[in-house]
PDB file of N, CA and C in Angstrom:
ATOM      1  N   MET A   1      98.895  84.297 108.195  1.00  0.00           N
ATOM      2  CA  MET A   1      99.246  82.916 108.008  1.00  0.00           C
ATOM      3  C   MET A   1      97.971  82.095 107.967  1.00  0.00           C
ATOM      4  N   ALA A   2      97.957  81.075 107.147  1.00  0.00           N
ATOM      5  CA  ALA A   2      96.785  80.229 106.989  1.00  0.00           C
ATOM      6  C   ALA A   2      96.597  79.342 108.217  1.00  0.00           C
ATOM      7  N   ILE A   3      95.356  79.023 108.493  1.00  0.00           N
ATOM      8  CA  ILE A   3      95.035  78.146 109.608  1.00  0.00           C
ATOM      9  C   ILE A   3      95.121  76.705 109.123  1.00  0.00           C
ATOM     10  N   ALA A   4      95.728  75.835 109.929  1.00  0.00           N
ATOM     11  CA  ALA A   4      95.876  74.428 109.567  1.00  0.00           C
ATOM     12  C   ALA A   4      94.519  73.728 109.631  1.00  0.00           C
ATOM     13  N   TYR A   5      94.342  72.752 108.729  1.00  0.00           N
ATOM     14  CA  TYR A   5      93.133  71.932 108.776  1.00  0.00           C
ATOM     15  C   TYR A   5      93.154  71.094 110.047  1.00  0.00           C
ATOM     16  N   SER A   6      91.969  70.771 110.579  1.00  0.00           N
ATOM     17  CA  SER A   6      91.895  69.990 111.806  1.00  0.00           C
ATOM     18  C   SER A   6      92.395  68.569 111.551  1.00  0.00           C
ATOM     19  N   GLU A   7      92.859  67.945 112.612  1.00  0.00           N
ATOM     20  CA  GLU A   7      93.414  66.598 112.482  1.00  0.00           C
ATOM     21  C   GLU A   7      92.346  65.579 112.113  1.00  0.00           C
ATOM     22  N   ASP A   8      91.107  65.769 112.612  1.00  0.00           N
ATOM     23  CA  ASP A   8      90.056  64.805 112.265  1.00  0.00           C
ATOM     24  C   ASP A   8      89.712  64.864 110.776  1.00  0.00           C
ATOM     25  N   LEU A   9      89.786  66.044 110.160  1.00  0.00           N
ATOM     26  CA  LEU A   9      89.559  66.160 108.721  1.00  0.00           C
ATOM     27  C   LEU A   9      90.678  65.464 107.953  1.00  0.00           C
ATOM     28  N   ARG A  10      91.894  65.600 108.423  1.00  0.00           N
ATOM     29  CA  ARG A  10      93.028  64.924 107.794  1.00  0.00           C
ATOM     30  C   ARG A  10      92.850  63.408 107.853  1.00  0.00           C
ATOM     31  N   VAL A  11      92.466  62.923 109.029  1.00  0.00           N
ATOM     32  CA  VAL A  11      92.268  61.473 109.201  1.00  0.00           C
ATOM     33  C   VAL A  11      91.149  60.988 108.291  1.00  0.00           C
ATOM     34  N   ARG A  12      90.053  61.733 108.223  1.00  0.00           N
ATOM     35  CA  ARG A  12      88.926  61.341 107.376  1.00  0.00           C
ATOM     36  C   ARG A  12      89.339  61.282 105.904  1.00  0.00           C
ATOM     37  N   ALA A  13      90.078  62.282 105.447  1.00  0.00           N
ATOM     38  CA  ALA A  13      90.525  62.311 104.050  1.00  0.00           C
ATOM     39  C   ALA A  13      91.438  61.129 103.752  1.00  0.00           C
ATOM     40  N   LEU A  14      92.339  60.822 104.667  1.00  0.00           N
ATOM     41  CA  LEU A  14      93.251  59.697 104.449  1.00  0.00           C
ATOM     42  C   LEU A  14      92.517  58.359 104.506  1.00  0.00           C
ATOM     43  N   GLU A  15      91.485  58.265 105.337  1.00  0.00           N
ATOM     44  CA  GLU A  15      90.663  57.041 105.370  1.00  0.00           C
ATOM     45  C   GLU A  15      89.947  56.844 104.042  1.00  0.00           C
ATOM     46  N   TRP A  16      89.429  57.923 103.480  1.00  0.00           N
ATOM     47  CA  TRP A  16      88.763  57.829 102.175  1.00  0.00           C
ATOM     48  C   TRP A  16      89.751  57.332 101.124  1.00  0.00           C
ATOM     49  N   LEU A  17      90.980  57.827 101.187  1.00  0.00           N
ATOM     50  CA  LEU A  17      91.997  57.384 100.230  1.00  0.00           C
ATOM     51  C   LEU A  17      92.328  55.903 100.423  1.00  0.00           C
ATOM     52  N   LYS A  18      92.402  55.456 101.685  1.00  0.00           N
ATOM     53  CA  LYS A  18      92.670  54.040 101.967  1.00  0.00           C
ATOM     54  C   LYS A  18      91.545  53.153 101.457  1.00  0.00           C
ATOM     55  N   ASN A  19      90.322  53.673 101.483  1.00  0.00           N
ATOM     56  CA  ASN A  19      89.161  52.893 101.040  1.00  0.00           C
ATOM     57  C   ASN A  19      89.017  52.877  99.521  1.00  0.00           C
ATOM     58  N   GLY A  20      89.973  53.449  98.806  1.00  0.00           N
ATOM     59  CA  GLY A  20      89.969  53.348  97.356  1.00  0.00           C
ATOM     60  C   GLY A  20      89.343  54.504  96.609  1.00  0.00           C
ATOM     61  N   ILE A  21      88.938  55.541  97.303  1.00  0.00           N
ATOM     62  CA  ILE A  21      88.374  56.712  96.634  1.00  0.00           C
ATOM     63  C   ILE A  21      89.543  57.516  96.059  1.00  0.00           C
ATOM     64  N   SER A  22      89.398  57.985  94.840  1.00  0.00           N
ATOM     65  CA  SER A  22      90.496  58.707  94.187  1.00  0.00           C
ATOM     66  C   SER A  22      90.750  60.056  94.865  1.00  0.00           C
ATOM     67  N   ILE A  23      91.968  60.544  94.670  1.00  0.00           N
ATOM     68  CA  ILE A  23      92.344  61.832  95.264  1.00  0.00           C
ATOM     69  C   ILE A  23      91.464  62.950  94.732  1.00  0.00           C
ATOM     70  N   SER A  24      91.121  62.896  93.454  1.00  0.00           N
ATOM     71  CA  SER A  24      90.264  63.940  92.871  1.00  0.00           C
ATOM     72  C   SER A  24      88.888  63.951  93.523  1.00  0.00           C
ATOM     73  N   GLN A  25      88.329  62.758  93.772  1.00  0.00           N
ATOM     74  CA  GLN A  25      87.009  62.682  94.406  1.00  0.00           C
ATOM     75  C   GLN A  25      87.068  63.155  95.859  1.00  0.00           C
ATOM     76  N   VAL A  26      88.114  62.771  96.574  1.00  0.00           N
ATOM     77  CA  VAL A  26      88.273  63.231  97.962  1.00  0.00           C
ATOM     78  C   VAL A  26      88.440  64.751  97.973  1.00  0.00           C
ATOM     79  N   SER A  27      89.201  65.247  97.020  1.00  0.00           N
ATOM     80  CA  SER A  27      89.431  66.686  96.916  1.00  0.00           C
ATOM     81  C   SER A  27      88.123  67.445  96.721  1.00  0.00           C
ATOM     82  N   ARG A  28      87.303  66.956  95.812  1.00  0.00           N
ATOM     83  CA  ARG A  28      86.015  67.612  95.560  1.00  0.00           C
ATOM     84  C   ARG A  28      85.060  67.422  96.738  1.00  0.00           C
ATOM     85  N   GLY A  29      85.039  66.234  97.312  1.00  0.00           N
ATOM     86  CA  GLY A  29      84.104  65.930  98.397  1.00  0.00           C
ATOM     87  C   GLY A  29      84.371  66.722  99.668  1.00  0.00           C
ATOM     88  N   LEU A  30      85.653  66.895  99.999  1.00  0.00           N
ATOM     89  CA  LEU A  30      86.004  67.596 101.242  1.00  0.00           C
ATOM     90  C   LEU A  30      86.457  69.038 101.001  1.00  0.00           C
ATOM     91  N   LYS A  31      86.488  69.453  99.728  1.00  0.00           N
ATOM     92  CA  LYS A  31      86.907  70.807  99.349  1.00  0.00           C
ATOM     93  C   LYS A  31      88.321  71.120  99.856  1.00  0.00           C
ATOM     94  N   ILE A  32      89.226  70.186  99.550  1.00  0.00           N
ATOM     95  CA  ILE A  32      90.638  70.314  99.895  1.00  0.00           C
ATOM     96  C   ILE A  32      91.417  70.148  98.596  1.00  0.00           C
ATOM     97  N   SER A  33      92.440  70.929  98.390  1.00  0.00           N
ATOM     98  CA  SER A  33      93.200  70.824  97.141  1.00  0.00           C
ATOM     99  C   SER A  33      93.960  69.497  97.070  1.00  0.00           C
ATOM    100  N   ARG A  34      94.182  69.039  95.841  1.00  0.00           N
ATOM    101  CA  ARG A  34      94.905  67.782  95.636  1.00  0.00           C
ATOM    102  C   ARG A  34      96.337  67.854  96.166  1.00  0.00           C
ATOM    103  N   PRO A  35      97.065  68.954  95.922  1.00  0.00           N
ATOM    104  CA  PRO A  35      98.422  69.020  96.488  1.00  0.00           C
ATOM    105  C   PRO A  35      98.446  68.885  98.012  1.00  0.00           C
ATOM    106  N   THR A  36      97.431  69.415  98.674  1.00  0.00           N
ATOM    107  CA  THR A  36      97.349  69.279 100.132  1.00  0.00           C
ATOM    108  C   THR A  36      97.185  67.818 100.512  1.00  0.00           C
ATOM    109  N   LEU A  37      96.319  67.113  99.789  1.00  0.00           N
ATOM    110  CA  LEU A  37      96.118  65.689 100.069  1.00  0.00           C
ATOM    111  C   LEU A  37      97.403  64.900  99.834  1.00  0.00           C
ATOM    112  N   TYR A  38      98.140  65.219  98.779  1.00  0.00           N
ATOM    113  CA  TYR A  38      99.416  64.547  98.523  1.00  0.00           C
ATOM    114  C   TYR A  38     100.415  64.828  99.648  1.00  0.00           C
ATOM    115  N   ARG A  39     100.445  66.067 100.147  1.00  0.00           N
ATOM    116  CA  ARG A  39     101.346  66.409 101.257  1.00  0.00           C
ATOM    117  C   ARG A  39     100.992  65.614 102.505  1.00  0.00           C
ATOM    118  N   TRP A  40      99.684  65.521 102.802  1.00  0.00           N
ATOM    119  CA  TRP A  40      99.260  64.766 103.980  1.00  0.00           C
ATOM    120  C   TRP A  40      99.645  63.303 103.842  1.00  0.00           C
ATOM    121  N   LYS A  41      99.454  62.768 102.655  1.00  0.00           N
ATOM    122  CA  LYS A  41      99.778  61.363 102.398  1.00  0.00           C
ATOM    123  C   LYS A  41     101.280  61.131 102.593  1.00  0.00           C
ATOM    124  N   ASP A  42     102.107  62.015 102.047  1.00  0.00           N
ATOM    125  CA  ASP A  42     103.558  61.907 102.219  1.00  0.00           C
ATOM    126  C   ASP A  42     103.958  62.059 103.683  1.00  0.00           C
ATOM    127  N   GLN A  43     103.302  62.971 104.385  1.00  0.00           N
ATOM    128  CA  GLN A  43     103.624  63.198 105.796  1.00  0.00           C
ATOM    129  C   GLN A  43     103.349  61.949 106.616  1.00  0.00           C
ATOM    130  N   VAL A  44     102.220  61.285 106.360  1.00  0.00           N
ATOM    131  CA  VAL A  44     101.882  60.075 107.112  1.00  0.00           C
ATOM    132  C   VAL A  44     102.881  58.970 106.793  1.00  0.00           C
ATOM    133  N   GLU A  45     103.311  58.875 105.538  1.00  0.00           N
ATOM    134  CA  GLU A  45     104.293  57.853 105.171  1.00  0.00           C
ATOM    135  C   GLU A  45     105.642  58.114 105.836  1.00  0.00           C
ATOM    136  N   LYS A  46     106.044  59.377 105.955  1.00  0.00           N
ATOM    137  CA  LYS A  46     107.346  59.717 106.528  1.00  0.00           C
ATOM    138  C   LYS A  46     107.341  59.700 108.049  1.00  0.00           C
ATOM    139  N   THR A  47     106.326  60.330 108.655  1.00  0.00           N
ATOM    140  CA  THR A  47     106.327  60.506 110.110  1.00  0.00           C
ATOM    141  C   THR A  47     105.341  59.605 110.837  1.00  0.00           C
ATOM    142  N   GLY A  48     104.326  59.113 110.135  1.00  0.00           N
ATOM    143  CA  GLY A  48     103.306  58.298 110.781  1.00  0.00           C
ATOM    144  C   GLY A  48     102.280  59.123 111.535  1.00  0.00           C
ATOM    145  N   SER A  49     102.345  60.434 111.412  1.00  0.00           N
ATOM    146  CA  SER A  49     101.444  61.317 112.145  1.00  0.00           C
ATOM    147  C   SER A  49     100.646  62.178 111.172  1.00  0.00           C
ATOM    148  N   THR A  50      99.407  62.480 111.573  1.00  0.00           N
ATOM    149  CA  THR A  50      98.571  63.374 110.769  1.00  0.00           C
ATOM    150  C   THR A  50      98.521  64.778 111.362  1.00  0.00           C
ATOM    151  N   ALA A  51      99.216  64.984 112.471  1.00  0.00           N
ATOM    152  CA  ALA A  51      99.195  66.296 113.137  1.00  0.00           C
ATOM    153  C   ALA A  51      99.843  67.355 112.251  1.00  0.00           C
ATOM    154  N   PRO A  52      99.306  68.587 112.273  1.00  0.00           N
ATOM    155  CA  PRO A  52      99.919  69.664 111.488  1.00  0.00           C
ATOM    156  C   PRO A  52     101.356  69.915 111.942  1.00  0.00           C
ATOM    157  N   MET A  53     102.213  70.232 110.990  1.00  0.00           N
ATOM    158  CA  MET A  53     103.612  70.523 111.301  1.00  0.00           C
ATOM    159  C   MET A  53     103.705  71.920 111.910  1.00  0.00           C
ATOM    160  N   LYS A  54     104.580  72.079 112.881  1.00  0.00           N
ATOM    161  CA  LYS A  54     104.806  73.384 113.496  1.00  0.00           C
ATOM    162  C   LYS A  54     105.631  74.237 112.543  1.00  0.00           C
ATOM    163  N   SER A  55     105.230  75.474 112.378  1.00  0.00           N
ATOM    164  CA  SER A  55     105.941  76.397 111.500  1.00  0.00           C
ATOM    165  C   SER A  55     106.780  77.335 112.357  1.00  0.00           C
ATOM    166  N   VAL A  56     108.052  76.993 112.517  1.00  0.00           N
ATOM    167  CA  VAL A  56     108.946  77.801 113.332  1.00  0.00           C
ATOM    168  C   VAL A  56     110.112  78.239 112.456  1.00  0.00           C
ATOM    169  N   PRO A  57     110.283  79.528 112.275  1.00  0.00           N
ATOM    170  CA  PRO A  57     111.409  79.972 111.452  1.00  0.00           C
ATOM    171  C   PRO A  57     112.735  79.722 112.165  1.00  0.00           C
ATOM    172  N   PRO A  58     113.795  79.471 111.422  1.00  0.00           N
ATOM    173  CA  PRO A  58     115.093  79.251 112.059  1.00  0.00           C
ATOM    174  C   PRO A  58     115.612  80.545 112.675  1.00  0.00           C
ATOM    175  N   PRO A  59     116.378  80.445 113.749  1.00  0.00           N
ATOM    176  CA  PRO A  59     116.914  81.666 114.358  1.00  0.00           C
ATOM    177  C   PRO A  59     117.916  82.337 113.424  1.00  0.00           C
ATOM    178  N   GLN A  60     117.915  83.653 113.435  1.00  0.00           N
ATOM    179  CA  GLN A  60     118.822  84.419 112.591  1.00  0.00           C
ATOM    180  C   GLN A  60     120.086  84.758 113.384  1.00  0.00           C
ATOM    181  N   PRO A  61     121.256  84.573 112.780  1.00  0.00           N
ATOM    182  CA  PRO A  61     122.485  84.918 113.496  1.00  0.00           C
ATOM    183  C   PRO A  61     122.592  86.430 113.692  1.00  0.00           C
ATOM    184  N   SER A  62     123.208  86.817 114.787  1.00  0.00           N
ATOM    185  CA  SER A  62     123.369  88.235 115.096  1.00  0.00           C
ATOM    186  C   SER A  62     124.394  88.864 114.161  1.00  0.00           C
ATOM    187  N   LYS A  63     124.145  90.105 113.754  1.00  0.00           N
ATOM    188  CA  LYS A  63     125.105  90.810 112.908  1.00  0.00           C
ATOM    189  C   LYS A  63     126.274  91.332 113.733  1.00  0.00           C
ATOM    190  N   ILE A  64     126.087  91.401 115.031  1.00  0.00           N
ATOM    191  CA  ILE A  64     127.164  91.845 115.918  1.00  0.00           C
ATOM    192  C   ILE A  64     127.807  90.585 116.484  1.00  0.00           C
ATOM    193  N   LYS A  65     129.041  90.326 116.072  1.00  0.00           N
ATOM    194  CA  LYS A  65     129.733  89.092 116.459  1.00  0.00           C
ATOM    195  C   LYS A  65     130.542  89.263 117.743  1.00  0.00           C
ATOM    196  N   ASP A  66     131.254  90.363 117.871  1.00  0.00           N
ATOM    197  CA  ASP A  66     132.138  90.595 119.010  1.00  0.00           C
ATOM    198  C   ASP A  66     131.439  91.516 120.015  1.00  0.00           C
ATOM    199  N   TRP A  67     130.807  90.909 121.021  1.00  0.00           N
ATOM    200  CA  TRP A  67     130.005  91.679 121.968  1.00  0.00           C
ATOM    201  C   TRP A  67     130.879  92.521 122.905  1.00  0.00           C
ATOM    202  N   ASN A  68     132.068  92.042 123.234  1.00  0.00           N
ATOM    203  CA  ASN A  68     132.964  92.844 124.090  1.00  0.00           C
ATOM    204  C   ASN A  68     133.387  94.120 123.371  1.00  0.00           C
ATOM    205  N   ARG A  69     133.745  93.983 122.101  1.00  0.00           N
ATOM    206  CA  ARG A  69     134.138  95.148 121.308  1.00  0.00           C
ATOM    207  C   ARG A  69     132.961  96.108 121.150  1.00  0.00           C
ATOM    208  N   PHE A  70     131.753  95.547 120.970  1.00  0.00           N
ATOM    209  CA  PHE A  70     130.574  96.396 120.823  1.00  0.00           C
ATOM    210  C   PHE A  70     130.293  97.160 122.118  1.00  0.00           C
ATOM    211  N   THR A  71     130.451  96.495 123.265  1.00  0.00           N
ATOM    212  CA  THR A  71     130.233  97.164 124.557  1.00  0.00           C
ATOM    213  C   THR A  71     131.210  98.328 124.728  1.00  0.00           C
ATOM    214  N   GLU A  72     132.474  98.094 124.384  1.00  0.00           N
ATOM    215  CA  GLU A  72     133.465  99.176 124.465  1.00  0.00           C
ATOM    216  C   GLU A  72     133.105 100.314 123.507  1.00  0.00           C
ATOM    217  N   PHE A  73     132.674  99.944 122.312  1.00  0.00           N
ATOM    218  CA  PHE A  73     132.271 100.927 121.303  1.00  0.00           C
ATOM    219  C   PHE A  73     131.134 101.801 121.820  1.00  0.00           C
ATOM    220  N   VAL A  74     130.153 101.181 122.474  1.00  0.00           N
ATOM    221  CA  VAL A  74     129.009 101.931 123.005  1.00  0.00           C
ATOM    222  C   VAL A  74     129.453 102.835 124.153  1.00  0.00           C
ATOM    223  N   ASP A  75     130.333 102.333 125.015  1.00  0.00           N
ATOM    224  CA  ASP A  75     130.814 103.158 126.129  1.00  0.00           C
ATOM    225  C   ASP A  75     131.582 104.384 125.627  1.00  0.00           C
ATOM    226  N   ILE A  76     132.359 104.204 124.583  1.00  0.00           N
ATOM    227  CA  ILE A  76     133.126 105.320 124.015  1.00  0.00           C
ATOM    228  C   ILE A  76     132.199 106.331 123.344  1.00  0.00           C
ATOM    229  N   ASN A  77     131.168 105.833 122.657  1.00  0.00           N
ATOM    230  CA  ASN A  77     130.257 106.692 121.891  1.00  0.00           C
ATOM    231  C   ASN A  77     128.895 106.830 122.574  1.00  0.00           C
ATOM    232  N   ALA A  78     128.902 106.989 123.893  1.00  0.00           N
ATOM    233  CA  ALA A  78     127.650 107.018 124.649  1.00  0.00           C
ATOM    234  C   ALA A  78     126.775 108.223 124.330  1.00  0.00           C
ATOM    235  N   ASP A  79     127.361 109.268 123.771  1.00  0.00           N
ATOM    236  CA  ASP A  79     126.581 110.469 123.482  1.00  0.00           C
ATOM    237  C   ASP A  79     125.934 110.440 122.098  1.00  0.00           C
ATOM    238  N   LYS A  80     126.148 109.386 121.341  1.00  0.00           N
ATOM    239  CA  LYS A  80     125.618 109.292 119.978  1.00  0.00           C
ATOM    240  C   LYS A  80     124.216 108.678 119.981  1.00  0.00           C
ATOM    241  N   THR A  81     123.448 109.004 118.939  1.00  0.00           N
ATOM    242  CA  THR A  81     122.126 108.385 118.773  1.00  0.00           C
ATOM    243  C   THR A  81     122.304 106.995 118.175  1.00  0.00           C
ATOM    244  N   GLN A  82     121.221 106.232 118.163  1.00  0.00           N
ATOM    245  CA  GLN A  82     121.294 104.879 117.613  1.00  0.00           C
ATOM    246  C   GLN A  82     121.610 104.905 116.123  1.00  0.00           C
ATOM    247  N   LYS A  83     121.075 105.870 115.405  1.00  0.00           N
ATOM    248  CA  LYS A  83     121.383 105.982 113.968  1.00  0.00           C
ATOM    249  C   LYS A  83     122.858 106.301 113.758  1.00  0.00           C
ATOM    250  N   GLU A  84     123.404 107.187 114.587  1.00  0.00           N
ATOM    251  CA  GLU A  84     124.824 107.518 114.475  1.00  0.00           C
ATOM    252  C   GLU A  84     125.695 106.318 114.834  1.00  0.00           C
ATOM    253  N   LEU A  85     125.286 105.569 115.866  1.00  0.00           N
ATOM    254  CA  LEU A  85     126.025 104.361 116.242  1.00  0.00           C
ATOM    255  C   LEU A  85     126.024 103.346 115.103  1.00  0.00           C
ATOM    256  N   ALA A  86     124.878 103.210 114.427  1.00  0.00           N
ATOM    257  CA  ALA A  86     124.775 102.263 113.313  1.00  0.00           C
ATOM    258  C   ALA A  86     125.718 102.660 112.182  1.00  0.00           C
ATOM    259  N   LYS A  87     125.795 103.949 111.881  1.00  0.00           N
ATOM    260  CA  LYS A  87     126.703 104.417 110.821  1.00  0.00           C
ATOM    261  C   LYS A  87     128.158 104.176 111.212  1.00  0.00           C
ATOM    262  N   LEU A  88     128.498 104.457 112.473  1.00  0.00           N
ATOM    263  CA  LEU A  88     129.875 104.273 112.929  1.00  0.00           C
ATOM    264  C   LEU A  88     130.268 102.796 112.983  1.00  0.00           C
ATOM    265  N   TRP A  89     129.358 101.938 113.429  1.00  0.00           N
ATOM    266  CA  TRP A  89     129.665 100.500 113.526  1.00  0.00           C
ATOM    267  C   TRP A  89     129.761  99.891 112.132  1.00  0.00           C
ATOM    268  N   GLY A  90     128.843 100.287 111.255  1.00  0.00           N
ATOM    269  CA  GLY A  90     128.882  99.840 109.859  1.00  0.00           C
ATOM    270  C   GLY A  90     128.201  98.497 109.634  1.00  0.00           C
ATOM    271  N   GLY A  91     127.401  98.429 108.578  1.00  0.00           N
ATOM    272  CA  GLY A  91     126.781  97.166 108.182  1.00  0.00           C
ATOM    273  C   GLY A  91     125.569  96.749 108.988  1.00  0.00           C
ATOM    274  N   VAL A  92     125.070  97.635 109.850  1.00  0.00           N
ATOM    275  CA  VAL A  92     123.878  97.319 110.642  1.00  0.00           C
ATOM    276  C   VAL A  92     122.917  98.503 110.595  1.00  0.00           C
ATOM    277  N   SER A  93     121.648  98.210 110.878  1.00  0.00           N
ATOM    278  CA  SER A  93     120.647  99.273 110.930  1.00  0.00           C
ATOM    279  C   SER A  93     120.520  99.786 112.361  1.00  0.00           C
ATOM    280  N   HIS A  94     119.814 100.884 112.504  1.00  0.00           N
ATOM    281  CA  HIS A  94     119.608 101.411 113.864  1.00  0.00           C
ATOM    282  C   HIS A  94     118.695 100.492 114.669  1.00  0.00           C
ATOM    283  N   HIS A  95     117.872  99.692 113.983  1.00  0.00           N
ATOM    284  CA  HIS A  95     117.032  98.719 114.698  1.00  0.00           C
ATOM    285  C   HIS A  95     117.911  97.632 115.328  1.00  0.00           C
ATOM    286  N   THR A  96     118.933  97.200 114.595  1.00  0.00           N
ATOM    287  CA  THR A  96     119.869  96.205 115.125  1.00  0.00           C
ATOM    288  C   THR A  96     120.603  96.768 116.332  1.00  0.00           C
ATOM    289  N   ILE A  97     121.025  98.006 116.239  1.00  0.00           N
ATOM    290  CA  ILE A  97     121.702  98.664 117.369  1.00  0.00           C
ATOM    291  C   ILE A  97     120.761  98.727 118.565  1.00  0.00           C
ATOM    292  N   SER A  98     119.498  99.055 118.319  1.00  0.00           N
ATOM    293  CA  SER A  98     118.510  99.142 119.395  1.00  0.00           C
ATOM    294  C   SER A  98     118.360  97.802 120.111  1.00  0.00           C
ATOM    295  N   ARG A  99     118.238  96.721 119.335  1.00  0.00           N
ATOM    296  CA  ARG A  99     118.101  95.386 119.939  1.00  0.00           C
ATOM    297  C   ARG A  99     119.361  94.998 120.715  1.00  0.00           C
ATOM    298  N   ALA A 100     120.523  95.337 120.163  1.00  0.00           N
ATOM    299  CA  ALA A 100     121.783  95.008 120.828  1.00  0.00           C
ATOM    300  C   ALA A 100     121.921  95.774 122.139  1.00  0.00           C
ATOM    301  N   LEU A 101     121.560  97.048 122.127  1.00  0.00           N
ATOM    302  CA  LEU A 101     121.630  97.844 123.358  1.00  0.00           C
ATOM    303  C   LEU A 101     120.692  97.291 124.422  1.00  0.00           C
ATOM    304  N   LYS A 102     119.516  96.876 123.999  1.00  0.00           N
ATOM    305  CA  LYS A 102     118.562  96.297 124.942  1.00  0.00           C
ATOM    306  C   LYS A 102     119.111  94.996 125.520  1.00  0.00           C
ATOM    307  N   LYS A 103     119.749  94.192 124.660  1.00  0.00           N
ATOM    308  CA  LYS A 103     120.321  92.923 125.104  1.00  0.00           C
ATOM    309  C   LYS A 103     121.426  93.154 126.136  1.00  0.00           C
ATOM    310  N   LEU A 104     122.190  94.223 125.959  1.00  0.00           N
ATOM    311  CA  LEU A 104     123.268  94.548 126.891  1.00  0.00           C
ATOM    312  C   LEU A 104     122.781  95.271 128.143  1.00  0.00           C
ATOM    313  N   GLY A 105     121.510  95.665 128.161  1.00  0.00           N
ATOM    314  CA  GLY A 105     120.951  96.311 129.342  1.00  0.00           C
ATOM    315  C   GLY A 105     121.018  97.824 129.321  1.00  0.00           C
ATOM    316  N   TYR A 106     121.324  98.417 128.182  1.00  0.00           N
ATOM    317  CA  TYR A 106     121.344  99.873 128.071  1.00  0.00           C
ATOM    318  C   TYR A 106     119.934 100.390 127.845  1.00  0.00           C
ATOM    319  N   THR A 107     119.670 101.582 128.380  1.00  0.00           N
ATOM    320  CA  THR A 107     118.374 102.220 128.165  1.00  0.00           C
ATOM    321  C   THR A 107     118.597 103.579 127.521  1.00  0.00           C
ATOM    322  N   ARG A 108     117.565 104.063 126.840  1.00  0.00           N
ATOM    323  CA  ARG A 108     117.641 105.390 126.229  1.00  0.00           C
ATOM    324  C   ARG A 108     117.183 106.417 127.251  1.00  0.00           C
ATOM    325  N   LYS A 109     117.880 107.511 127.293  1.00  0.00           N
ATOM    326  CA  LYS A 109     117.483 108.611 128.166  1.00  0.00           C
ATOM    327  C   LYS A 109     117.216 109.832 127.308  1.00  0.00           C
ATOM    328  N   LYS A 110     116.339 110.685 127.781  1.00  0.00           N
ATOM    329  CA  LYS A 110     115.984 111.870 127.007  1.00  0.00           C
ATOM    330  C   LYS A 110     117.114 112.887 126.947  1.00  0.00           C
ATOM    331  N   ASN A 111     118.102 112.759 127.808  1.00  0.00           N
ATOM    332  CA  ASN A 111     119.206 113.710 127.772  1.00  0.00           C
ATOM    333  C   ASN A 111     120.247 113.338 126.712  1.00  0.00           C
ATOM    334  N   GLY A 112     120.004 112.266 125.967  1.00  0.00           N
ATOM    335  CA  GLY A 112     120.889 111.905 124.869  1.00  0.00           C
ATOM    336  C   GLY A 112     122.051 111.016 125.253  1.00  0.00           C
ATOM    337  N   ARG A 113     122.126 110.616 126.505  1.00  0.00           N
ATOM    338  CA  ARG A 113     123.213 109.732 126.928  1.00  0.00           C
ATOM    339  C   ARG A 113     122.653 108.340 127.193  1.00  0.00           C
ATOM    340  N   LEU A 114     123.474 107.350 126.928  1.00  0.00           N
ATOM    341  CA  LEU A 114     123.081 105.978 127.221  1.00  0.00           C
ATOM    342  C   LEU A 114     123.444 105.662 128.660  1.00  0.00           C
ATOM    343  N   SER A 115     122.627 104.905 129.324  1.00  0.00           N
ATOM    344  CA  SER A 115     122.948 104.476 130.676  1.00  0.00           C
ATOM    345  C   SER A 115     122.494 103.039 130.847  1.00  0.00           C
ATOM    346  N   ARG A 116     123.135 102.351 131.757  1.00  0.00           N
ATOM    347  CA  ARG A 116     122.781 100.957 132.024  1.00  0.00           C
ATOM    348  C   ARG A 116     121.707 100.882 133.089  1.00  0.00           C
ATOM    349  N   LYS A 117     120.861  99.837 132.956  1.00  0.00           N
ATOM    350  CA  LYS A 117     119.871  99.592 134.006  1.00  0.00           C
ATOM    351  C   LYS A 117     120.598  99.121 135.251  1.00  0.00           C
ATOM    352  N   LYS A 118     120.057  99.487 136.396  1.00  0.00           N
ATOM    353  CA  LYS A 118     120.686  99.063 137.654  1.00  0.00           C
ATOM    354  C   LYS A 118     119.841  98.058 138.358  1.00  0.00           C
TER     355      LYS A 118
END
């Protein structure tokens, strides 16, 4: 991921624009692309802040909707591997099964059976 420009550089670029220097000249002078300068200008107009925006992805909904049914399913099929559980449950990967088991407090044992943490 790219590193955000510092806030003082943003303020300096916007001050140059306020003082009547064209966007192209500011772009060349500070070695910042014109689209970036336009984004900063729009951001200040909308939010009043020059601080970089936080990049946080939205949370993804779980593919397992009915957790009670899933818990019963795991208890019934405790001798199955995560890949086998994924095939039996349908529509999920073994990674999803792994995360779900961890969320429910199940641990993997080398004897092939699932057990809950105590």
